């Protein structure tokens, strides 16, 4: 028997998964010994339309990337062959690693525009090189977690499952979307590798092709049930939804005699409100009151909210394409900007893209009921009323403690979402959450402007 082939290397951990200009700048920094400490912060400039808040996600993968960042011999050889880099710089890359500090909002924290959710403090080359991948990781999972949170708040008490791998923009996107949606409160994902890799629940039913492959719909149901004895969810709308429901009622007693319960039926098309009511009536009249109804098919937070508000007897929803590509808001206007170099605060002043200088902290105030009242963005040495949200997670390249498990992050997200003002949690139009810029930060910006003017 021949040995199995080694799996391909993970491109997500390659030092070359970056933009060319990062390496070009690094070479200049190396040549001119610009190795002083730099401070960069990641934040979102503006919230997308119909997003009154965002949910921080992706920190764990970002830290894993920073901890493992190295240039392999093959990567350095490839860079040498491009002819764009000198030998001294390439020798420097051979010993490159990240040894800086990272401060961040914990995953599962609600945040708003201009609030830094991650700060990197490191020698300039280290802090600069990681820009592209840091944005890539934080932006995507935050985007999906924020979309998932809207679904969770639209369907309290309902089972929500990520169905989006097949429409996700690549393998990594599908996996991380499953993680981000679970973090935000989904019950799990249909993606098997996500269940294996992240230790999260996996859900699945059957495809229409399975039913079509049989000459008899009842036979398809029976075979599937006997193969999935403890996880039977039957797809009943391949031909005629109501007839499919009646066939489940006819089959259920025989399966029960074999110790096989039918857990749920799945609706994937048509008027889900009307059909769910008709199917519920058929199941109840047929003695299948314990069989739940699960719906899928082009759903998003708006269609789910409509079904819930109408009182449709649907117990759970599979959300696919709209979630994994965040269809209504497919990107965040997010950036990773230099805030300090060589001990001096720095500030970008471009039109509509100006930044606040210095190392920052965000303080959040709550009322007596635990509802968020307002945030203040200020400098790290300017304490304010409220809870500080940005905390150390990596010091000199090493974790400050054990990484929180996904279950712990999920609990934090639930608490954070529960603390939203009701108008924001409702998901519709709501007054903007109050975020204030502290006087100390405004004063520093004026000082920086005066110095560079």
Protein backbone atom coordinates (compact mmCIF):
# COMPACT_ATOMS: atom_id res chain seq x y z
CA UNK A 1 0.00 0.00 0.00
CA UNK A 2 1.43 3.35 -0.98
CA UNK A 3 1.77 6.09 1.60
CA UNK A 4 -0.93 8.73 1.49
CA UNK A 5 0.05 12.07 0.03
CA UNK A 6 0.91 14.82 2.48
CA UNK A 7 -1.80 17.49 2.76
CA UNK A 8 -1.05 20.74 0.94
CA UNK A 9 0.38 23.54 3.11
CA UNK A 10 -2.15 25.93 4.61
CA UNK A 11 -1.87 29.20 2.65
CA UNK A 12 -3.41 31.03 5.59
CA UNK A 13 -0.16 30.65 7.53
CA UNK A 14 2.18 31.66 4.72
CA UNK A 15 4.17 34.86 5.20
CA UNK A 16 3.61 35.52 1.49
CA UNK A 17 -0.14 35.84 1.97
CA UNK A 18 0.25 39.59 1.92
CA UNK A 19 0.38 42.54 -0.43
CA UNK A 20 3.60 43.27 -2.29
CA UNK A 21 3.82 46.75 -0.86
CA UNK A 22 4.21 45.33 2.65
CA UNK A 23 7.44 43.59 1.62
CA UNK A 24 8.60 46.59 -0.39
CA UNK A 25 8.19 48.83 2.66
CA UNK A 26 9.89 46.27 4.87
CA UNK A 27 12.97 46.34 2.70
CA UNK A 28 13.19 50.13 3.05
CA UNK A 29 12.73 49.90 6.80
CA UNK A 30 15.55 47.34 6.91
CA UNK A 31 17.88 49.40 4.73
CA UNK A 32 17.38 52.57 6.79
CA UNK A 33 17.19 50.88 10.19
CA UNK A 34 13.65 52.08 10.84
CA UNK A 35 13.14 49.53 13.59
CA UNK A 36 11.60 51.65 16.34
CA UNK A 37 8.33 50.66 17.96
CA UNK A 38 5.21 51.24 15.90
CA UNK A 39 1.59 51.15 17.06
CA UNK A 40 -1.15 50.18 14.63
CA UNK A 41 -4.87 49.87 15.34
CA UNK A 42 -7.63 48.06 13.48
CA UNK A 43 -11.04 49.74 13.41
CA UNK A 44 -14.08 50.26 11.20
CA UNK A 45 -14.49 53.75 9.80
CA UNK A 46 -18.24 53.58 9.16
CA UNK A 47 -20.89 50.98 9.90
CA UNK A 48 -22.57 49.47 6.84
CA UNK A 49 -26.15 50.45 6.11
CA UNK A 50 -28.64 48.62 8.33
CA UNK A 51 -25.92 47.78 10.85
CA UNK A 52 -26.35 49.65 14.11
CA UNK A 53 -23.55 47.64 15.72
CA UNK A 54 -20.89 45.03 14.91
CA UNK A 55 -19.76 41.92 16.78
CA UNK A 56 -15.98 41.42 17.11
CA UNK A 57 -14.73 38.07 15.79
CA UNK A 58 -11.58 36.58 14.28
CA UNK A 59 -9.14 37.38 17.09
CA UNK A 60 -8.20 33.75 17.72
CA UNK A 61 -7.17 33.12 14.10
CA UNK A 62 -5.29 36.44 14.09
CA UNK A 63 -3.27 35.45 17.15
CA UNK A 64 -2.55 32.01 15.67
CA UNK A 65 -1.24 33.72 12.55
CA UNK A 66 1.01 36.08 14.51
CA UNK A 67 2.40 33.27 16.67
CA UNK A 68 3.31 31.09 13.68
CA UNK A 69 4.56 33.83 11.33
CA UNK A 70 7.79 32.70 9.65
CA UNK A 71 9.33 32.75 6.18
CA UNK A 72 10.17 29.28 4.89
CA UNK A 73 13.32 28.56 2.90
CA UNK A 74 11.19 28.03 -0.20
CA UNK A 75 9.45 31.37 0.22
CA UNK A 76 12.74 33.24 0.65
CA UNK A 77 14.18 31.47 -2.40
CA UNK A 78 11.13 32.48 -4.42
CA UNK A 79 11.50 36.12 -3.30
CA UNK A 80 15.17 36.01 -4.30
CA UNK A 81 14.25 34.78 -7.77
CA UNK A 82 11.89 37.71 -8.31
CA UNK A 83 14.90 40.03 -8.36
CA UNK A 84 13.14 42.68 -6.29
CA UNK A 85 14.88 42.19 -2.95
CA UNK A 86 18.51 42.46 -1.87
CA UNK A 87 20.46 39.67 -0.17
CA UNK A 88 20.77 41.44 3.17
CA UNK A 89 17.02 41.88 3.44
CA UNK A 90 16.37 38.26 2.48
CA UNK A 91 18.82 37.09 5.16
CA UNK A 92 16.90 39.20 7.65
CA UNK A 93 13.63 37.51 6.63
CA UNK A 94 15.12 34.09 7.38
CA UNK A 95 15.01 34.90 11.09
CA UNK A 96 11.77 36.90 11.01
CA UNK A 97 9.08 36.30 13.65
CA UNK A 98 6.50 38.34 15.53
CA UNK A 99 7.53 39.35 19.04
CA UNK A 100 5.25 42.29 19.69
CA UNK A 101 2.28 43.04 21.94
CA UNK A 102 -1.39 42.77 21.04
CA UNK A 103 -4.29 44.42 22.83
CA UNK A 104 -7.82 43.66 21.69
CA UNK A 105 -11.49 43.58 22.46
CA UNK A 106 -12.39 39.97 23.29
CA UNK A 107 -14.24 38.09 20.59
CA UNK A 108 -17.99 38.40 21.04
CA UNK A 109 -17.86 42.07 22.06
CA UNK A 110 -20.30 44.51 20.45
CA UNK A 111 -18.50 47.55 19.04
CA UNK A 112 -19.05 50.62 16.87
CA UNK A 113 -17.36 52.84 14.28
CA UNK A 114 -13.89 54.24 15.09
CA UNK A 115 -13.47 51.96 18.11
CA UNK A 116 -10.19 50.01 17.88
CA UNK A 117 -10.85 46.30 18.35
CA UNK A 118 -7.16 45.41 18.01
CA UNK A 119 -3.88 47.24 18.66
CA UNK A 120 -0.46 45.91 17.67
CA UNK A 121 2.70 47.32 19.26
CA UNK A 122 5.93 45.99 17.74
CA UNK A 123 9.07 47.00 15.84
CA UNK A 124 7.92 48.72 12.66
CA UNK A 125 8.72 45.85 10.24
CA UNK A 126 6.78 43.34 12.34
CA UNK A 127 3.80 45.62 12.86
CA UNK A 128 3.71 46.56 9.17
CA UNK A 129 4.01 43.12 7.58
CA UNK A 130 0.96 41.68 9.32
CA UNK A 131 -1.44 44.40 8.11
CA UNK A 132 -3.00 42.54 5.19
CA UNK A 133 -3.69 39.25 6.93
CA UNK A 134 -4.91 40.94 10.13
CA UNK A 135 -7.49 42.92 8.16
CA UNK A 136 -8.38 39.81 6.16
CA UNK A 137 -9.09 37.72 9.26
CA UNK A 138 -10.80 40.29 11.46
CA UNK A 139 -12.94 41.80 8.73
CA UNK A 140 -14.42 38.53 7.50
CA UNK A 141 -15.39 36.90 10.77
CA UNK A 142 -16.66 40.18 12.21
CA UNK A 143 -18.78 40.65 9.08
CA UNK A 144 -20.33 37.18 9.35
CA UNK A 145 -20.75 37.22 13.14
CA UNK A 146 -22.56 40.56 12.87
CA UNK A 147 -24.91 39.18 10.20
CA UNK A 148 -25.51 36.04 12.26
CA UNK A 149 -26.25 38.12 15.35
CA UNK A 150 -29.05 39.85 13.48
CA UNK A 151 -30.57 36.45 12.69
CA UNK A 152 -30.22 35.34 16.31
CA UNK A 153 -31.96 38.46 17.62
CA UNK A 154 -34.70 38.08 14.98
CA UNK A 155 -35.51 34.52 16.11
CA UNK A 156 -35.20 34.17 19.89
CA UNK A 157 -35.47 30.56 21.01
CA UNK A 158 -35.28 29.17 17.47
CA UNK A 159 -32.69 26.69 16.20
CA UNK A 160 -30.41 28.41 13.66
CA UNK A 161 -27.96 26.47 11.48
CA UNK A 162 -25.32 27.69 9.02
CA UNK A 163 -26.01 26.17 5.58
CA UNK A 164 -23.71 28.39 3.54
CA UNK A 165 -20.51 26.46 2.72
CA UNK A 166 -21.43 25.72 -0.89
CA UNK A 167 -21.90 29.41 -1.68
CA UNK A 168 -19.03 30.70 0.46
CA UNK A 169 -16.10 32.38 -1.26
CA UNK A 170 -13.66 29.52 -0.80
CA UNK A 171 -12.84 26.84 1.75
CA UNK A 172 -11.44 29.10 4.47
CA UNK A 173 -14.40 31.47 4.16
CA UNK A 174 -16.83 28.58 4.60
CA UNK A 175 -15.03 27.27 7.68
CA UNK A 176 -14.65 30.65 9.33
CA UNK A 177 -18.25 31.59 8.54
CA UNK A 178 -19.37 28.48 10.41
CA UNK A 179 -17.23 29.49 13.40
CA UNK A 180 -18.36 33.12 13.33
CA UNK A 181 -22.05 32.22 13.13
CA UNK A 182 -21.73 29.76 16.04
CA UNK A 183 -19.89 32.40 18.05
CA UNK A 184 -22.80 34.78 17.45
CA UNK A 185 -25.41 32.29 18.69
CA UNK A 186 -26.21 29.83 15.89
CA UNK A 187 -26.74 26.27 17.10
CA UNK A 188 -24.19 24.87 14.67
CA UNK A 189 -23.32 24.33 11.02
CA UNK A 190 -23.81 21.79 8.25
CA UNK A 191 -20.05 22.01 7.56
CA UNK A 192 -18.46 18.81 8.84
CA UNK A 193 -14.89 20.10 8.95
CA UNK A 194 -16.00 23.07 11.06
CA UNK A 195 -17.47 20.64 13.58
CA UNK A 196 -14.25 18.65 13.65
CA UNK A 197 -11.92 21.64 13.78
CA UNK A 198 -13.80 23.91 16.18
CA UNK A 199 -15.70 21.37 18.28
CA UNK A 200 -19.11 22.77 17.36
CA UNK A 201 -22.36 20.88 16.66
CA UNK A 202 -23.03 19.63 13.13
CA UNK A 203 -26.50 19.46 11.58
CA UNK A 204 -27.79 17.98 8.34
CA UNK A 205 -30.83 16.59 6.57
CA UNK A 206 -31.03 15.14 3.06
CA UNK A 207 -30.97 16.53 -0.47
CA UNK A 208 -33.77 16.51 -3.04
CA UNK A 209 -31.52 14.33 -5.19
CA UNK A 210 -31.71 11.58 -2.55
CA UNK A 211 -35.49 11.53 -2.79
CA UNK A 212 -35.39 11.75 -6.59
CA UNK A 213 -33.00 8.81 -6.76
CA UNK A 214 -35.74 6.58 -5.30
CA UNK A 215 -38.83 5.53 -7.21
CA UNK A 216 -40.90 5.91 -4.07
CA UNK A 217 -40.74 8.90 -1.70
CA UNK A 218 -41.78 6.85 1.33
CA UNK A 219 -39.01 4.35 0.64
CA UNK A 220 -36.49 7.21 0.50
CA UNK A 221 -37.71 8.46 3.89
CA UNK A 222 -37.59 4.99 5.43
CA UNK A 223 -34.09 4.20 4.19
CA UNK A 224 -32.72 7.51 5.38
CA UNK A 225 -34.37 7.16 8.78
CA UNK A 226 -32.97 3.66 9.33
CA UNK A 227 -29.49 4.92 8.45
CA UNK A 228 -29.73 8.03 10.67
CA UNK A 229 -31.65 6.47 13.56
CA UNK A 230 -30.97 9.20 16.10
CA UNK A 231 -30.96 12.23 13.79
CA UNK A 232 -33.91 11.90 11.41
CA UNK A 233 -34.89 15.04 9.52
CA UNK A 234 -36.90 14.38 6.37
CA UNK A 235 -37.09 16.77 3.41
CA UNK A 236 -40.73 16.75 2.31
CA UNK A 237 -41.02 19.28 -0.53
CA UNK A 238 -39.32 17.46 -3.43
CA UNK A 239 -42.67 16.85 -5.15
CA UNK A 240 -45.67 17.91 -3.08
CA UNK A 241 -45.07 19.29 0.41
CA UNK A 242 -48.41 18.32 1.94
CA UNK A 243 -48.32 14.84 0.45
CA UNK A 244 -44.79 14.48 1.80
CA UNK A 245 -46.05 15.43 5.27
CA UNK A 246 -48.79 12.81 5.07
CA UNK A 247 -46.24 10.17 4.09
CA UNK A 248 -44.21 11.05 7.17
CA UNK A 249 -47.34 10.56 9.29
CA UNK A 250 -47.96 7.17 7.67
CA UNK A 251 -44.34 6.07 8.15
CA UNK A 252 -43.77 7.38 11.68
CA UNK A 253 -45.53 4.53 13.60
CA UNK A 254 -43.48 1.84 11.85
CA UNK A 255 -40.27 3.72 12.56
CA UNK A 256 -41.29 4.29 16.17
CA UNK A 257 -41.80 0.55 16.57
CA UNK A 258 -38.14 0.14 15.55
CA UNK A 259 -37.06 2.78 18.10
CA UNK A 260 -36.51 5.44 15.45
CA UNK A 261 -38.14 8.82 16.16
CA UNK A 262 -38.67 11.35 13.38
CA UNK A 263 -37.12 14.51 14.79
CA UNK A 264 -38.21 17.02 12.17
CA UNK A 265 -39.37 17.68 8.65
CA UNK A 266 -37.74 20.28 6.46
CA UNK A 267 -39.39 22.80 4.16
CA UNK A 268 -37.13 24.30 1.50
CA UNK A 269 -39.46 26.13 -0.88
CA UNK A 270 -42.79 27.84 -1.35
CA UNK A 271 -44.76 30.04 1.01
CA UNK A 272 -43.13 28.94 4.26
CA UNK A 273 -45.72 30.63 6.45
CA UNK A 274 -48.72 28.95 4.83
CA UNK A 275 -46.99 25.61 4.29
CA UNK A 276 -45.69 25.41 7.84
CA UNK A 277 -49.21 25.89 9.20
CA UNK A 278 -50.62 23.24 6.88
CA UNK A 279 -47.81 20.79 7.65
CA UNK A 280 -48.17 21.43 11.39
CA UNK A 281 -51.86 20.57 11.16
CA UNK A 282 -51.16 17.35 9.24
CA UNK A 283 -48.49 16.28 11.74
CA UNK A 284 -50.61 17.07 14.77
CA UNK A 285 -53.71 15.35 13.41
CA UNK A 286 -51.56 12.32 12.57
CA UNK A 287 -50.20 11.97 16.08
CA UNK A 288 -46.78 13.50 15.25
CA UNK A 289 -46.92 16.47 17.59
CA UNK A 290 -43.28 15.99 18.60
CA UNK A 291 -42.03 16.30 15.00
CA UNK A 292 -40.58 19.76 14.55
CA UNK A 293 -40.58 21.90 11.41
CA UNK A 294 -37.30 23.21 10.05
CA UNK A 295 -37.20 25.71 7.17
CA UNK A 296 -34.55 26.77 4.68
CA UNK A 297 -34.31 28.27 1.22
CA UNK A 298 -33.02 31.81 0.64
CA UNK A 299 -33.60 32.97 4.21
CA UNK A 300 -32.05 35.97 5.94
CA UNK A 301 -32.74 37.93 9.11
CA UNK A 302 -35.58 39.89 7.48
CA UNK A 303 -37.51 36.89 6.16
CA UNK A 304 -36.94 35.06 9.46
CA UNK A 305 -38.23 38.05 11.44
CA UNK A 306 -41.32 38.18 9.22
CA UNK A 307 -42.06 34.50 9.77
CA UNK A 308 -41.52 34.78 13.52
CA UNK A 309 -43.72 37.89 13.77
CA UNK A 310 -46.46 36.11 11.81
CA UNK A 311 -46.39 33.22 14.27
CA UNK A 312 -45.44 30.61 11.66
CA UNK A 313 -45.00 27.27 13.50
CA UNK A 314 -41.37 26.87 12.45
CA UNK A 315 -38.92 25.62 15.06
CA UNK A 316 -35.65 26.30 13.26
CA UNK A 317 -34.05 27.87 10.22
CA UNK A 318 -31.14 27.01 7.94
CA UNK A 319 -29.44 30.17 6.71
CA UNK A 320 -27.04 29.80 3.82
CA UNK A 321 -25.97 32.17 1.07
CA UNK A 322 -27.15 35.42 2.66
CA UNK A 323 -25.13 34.60 5.79
CA UNK A 324 -21.86 33.27 4.40
CA UNK A 325 -21.44 36.14 1.94
CA UNK A 326 -23.20 38.73 4.14
CA UNK A 327 -25.24 39.53 1.06
CA UNK A 328 -26.65 42.92 2.05
CA UNK A 329 -23.32 44.21 3.45
CA UNK A 330 -20.49 42.16 1.87
CA UNK A 331 -17.58 44.16 3.29
CA UNK A 332 -16.58 46.49 6.11
CA UNK A 333 -14.92 49.86 5.64
CA UNK A 334 -12.16 48.76 7.99
CA UNK A 335 -8.51 49.78 8.24
CA UNK A 336 -5.27 49.10 10.11
CA UNK A 337 -3.58 52.44 10.68
CA UNK A 338 -0.35 53.74 12.21
CA UNK A 339 -1.11 55.66 15.42
CA UNK A 340 2.40 56.05 16.88
CA UNK A 341 6.00 55.56 15.73
CA UNK A 342 9.24 55.98 17.64
CA UNK A 343 7.38 57.31 20.66
CA UNK A 344 5.55 60.05 18.76
CA UNK A 345 1.81 59.97 17.96
CA UNK A 346 0.92 59.87 14.25
CA UNK A 347 -2.27 60.81 12.45
CA UNK A 348 -3.61 60.50 8.92
CA UNK A 349 -5.42 63.65 7.78
CA UNK A 350 -6.73 62.64 4.34
CA UNK A 351 -10.17 63.94 3.45
CA UNK A 352 -12.87 61.66 4.90
CA UNK A 353 -10.14 59.28 6.10
CA UNK A 354 -8.59 61.14 9.03
CA UNK A 355 -7.58 59.04 12.03
CA UNK A 356 -7.26 59.71 15.75
CA UNK A 357 -3.64 59.44 16.96
CA UNK A 358 -2.14 57.54 19.87
CA UNK A 359 -2.85 54.32 21.75
CA UNK A 360 -6.53 54.18 22.57
CA UNK A 361 -8.95 52.59 24.97
CA UNK A 362 -12.76 52.33 24.80
CA UNK A 363 -14.87 52.72 27.92
CA UNK A 364 -18.49 51.53 28.00
CA UNK A 365 -21.18 52.66 30.43
CA UNK A 366 -24.16 50.52 31.45
CA UNK A 367 -27.36 51.37 33.31
CA UNK A 368 -28.59 49.55 36.41
CA UNK A 369 -30.18 46.86 34.22
CA UNK A 370 -26.97 46.14 32.31
CA UNK A 371 -28.06 47.94 29.14
CA UNK A 372 -25.35 49.79 27.23
CA UNK A 373 -25.61 53.57 27.61
CA UNK A 374 -22.68 54.97 25.66
CA UNK A 375 -18.99 54.61 24.81
CA UNK A 376 -16.00 56.94 25.11
CA UNK A 377 -12.91 56.59 22.91
CA UNK A 378 -9.85 58.02 24.62
CA UNK A 379 -6.15 57.50 25.23
CA UNK A 380 -4.90 54.57 27.30
CA UNK A 381 -3.69 56.90 30.05
CA UNK A 382 -6.97 58.82 30.32
CA UNK A 383 -9.33 56.75 32.51
CA UNK A 384 -13.04 57.30 32.01
CA UNK A 385 -16.24 56.16 33.66
CA UNK A 386 -17.28 52.68 32.59
CA UNK A 387 -15.77 49.34 31.63
CA UNK A 388 -12.53 49.30 29.56
CA UNK A 389 -12.98 47.03 26.55
CA UNK A 390 -9.46 46.68 25.11
CA UNK A 391 -7.20 44.28 27.02
CA UNK A 392 -3.76 42.66 26.56
CA UNK A 393 -3.83 39.29 24.81
CA UNK A 394 -0.23 38.89 23.56
CA UNK A 395 2.95 40.20 25.21
CA UNK A 396 6.29 39.88 23.40
CA UNK A 397 4.73 37.35 21.07
CA UNK A 398 3.32 35.15 23.85
CA UNK A 399 -0.25 34.73 25.05
CA UNK A 400 -1.15 36.41 28.31
CA UNK A 401 -3.26 33.38 29.25
CA UNK A 402 -5.06 30.35 27.90
CA UNK A 403 -7.08 31.07 24.79
CA UNK A 404 -10.82 31.11 25.61
CA UNK A 405 -12.79 28.21 24.22
CA UNK A 406 -15.43 28.82 21.60
CA UNK A 407 -18.16 28.08 24.15
CA UNK A 408 -16.81 30.86 26.38
CA UNK A 409 -16.66 33.28 23.46
CA UNK A 410 -20.21 32.32 22.52
CA UNK A 411 -21.40 33.10 26.07
CA UNK A 412 -19.68 36.48 25.95
CA UNK A 413 -21.39 37.28 22.65
CA UNK A 414 -24.76 36.36 24.12
CA UNK A 415 -24.18 38.68 27.08
CA UNK A 416 -22.97 41.47 24.83
CA UNK A 417 -25.98 41.20 22.51
CA UNK A 418 -28.32 41.04 25.50
CA UNK A 419 -26.90 44.37 26.69
CA UNK A 420 -27.81 46.20 23.45
CA UNK A 421 -30.38 48.99 23.75
CA UNK A 422 -33.75 47.51 22.67
CA UNK A 423 -33.99 49.71 19.58
CA UNK A 424 -30.65 48.44 18.30
CA UNK A 425 -31.44 44.83 19.14
CA UNK A 426 -34.68 45.07 17.17
CA UNK A 427 -32.66 45.36 13.98
CA UNK A 428 -34.64 48.12 12.30
CA UNK A 429 -33.88 51.81 12.07
CA UNK A 430 -32.73 53.12 15.43
CA UNK A 431 -30.93 56.19 16.75
CA UNK A 432 -27.16 55.86 16.49
CA UNK A 433 -25.53 54.52 19.62
CA UNK A 434 -23.65 57.35 21.39
CA UNK A 435 -19.87 57.14 20.94
CA UNK A 436 -17.94 60.14 22.26
CA UNK A 437 -14.38 61.26 21.53
CA UNK A 438 -12.68 62.26 24.78
CA UNK A 439 -11.18 65.71 25.20
CA UNK A 440 -7.71 64.22 25.75
CA UNK A 441 -7.86 62.55 22.33
CA UNK A 442 -9.08 65.69 20.59
CA UNK A 443 -6.26 67.64 22.26
CA UNK A 444 -3.63 65.15 21.09
CA UNK A 445 -4.94 65.30 17.53
CA UNK A 446 -4.61 69.08 17.57
CA UNK A 447 -1.04 68.80 18.87
CA UNK A 448 -0.11 66.35 16.12
CA UNK A 449 -1.66 68.59 13.47
CA UNK A 450 0.27 71.57 14.78
CA UNK A 451 3.55 69.63 14.78
CA UNK A 452 3.18 68.47 11.19
CA UNK A 453 1.69 71.71 9.94
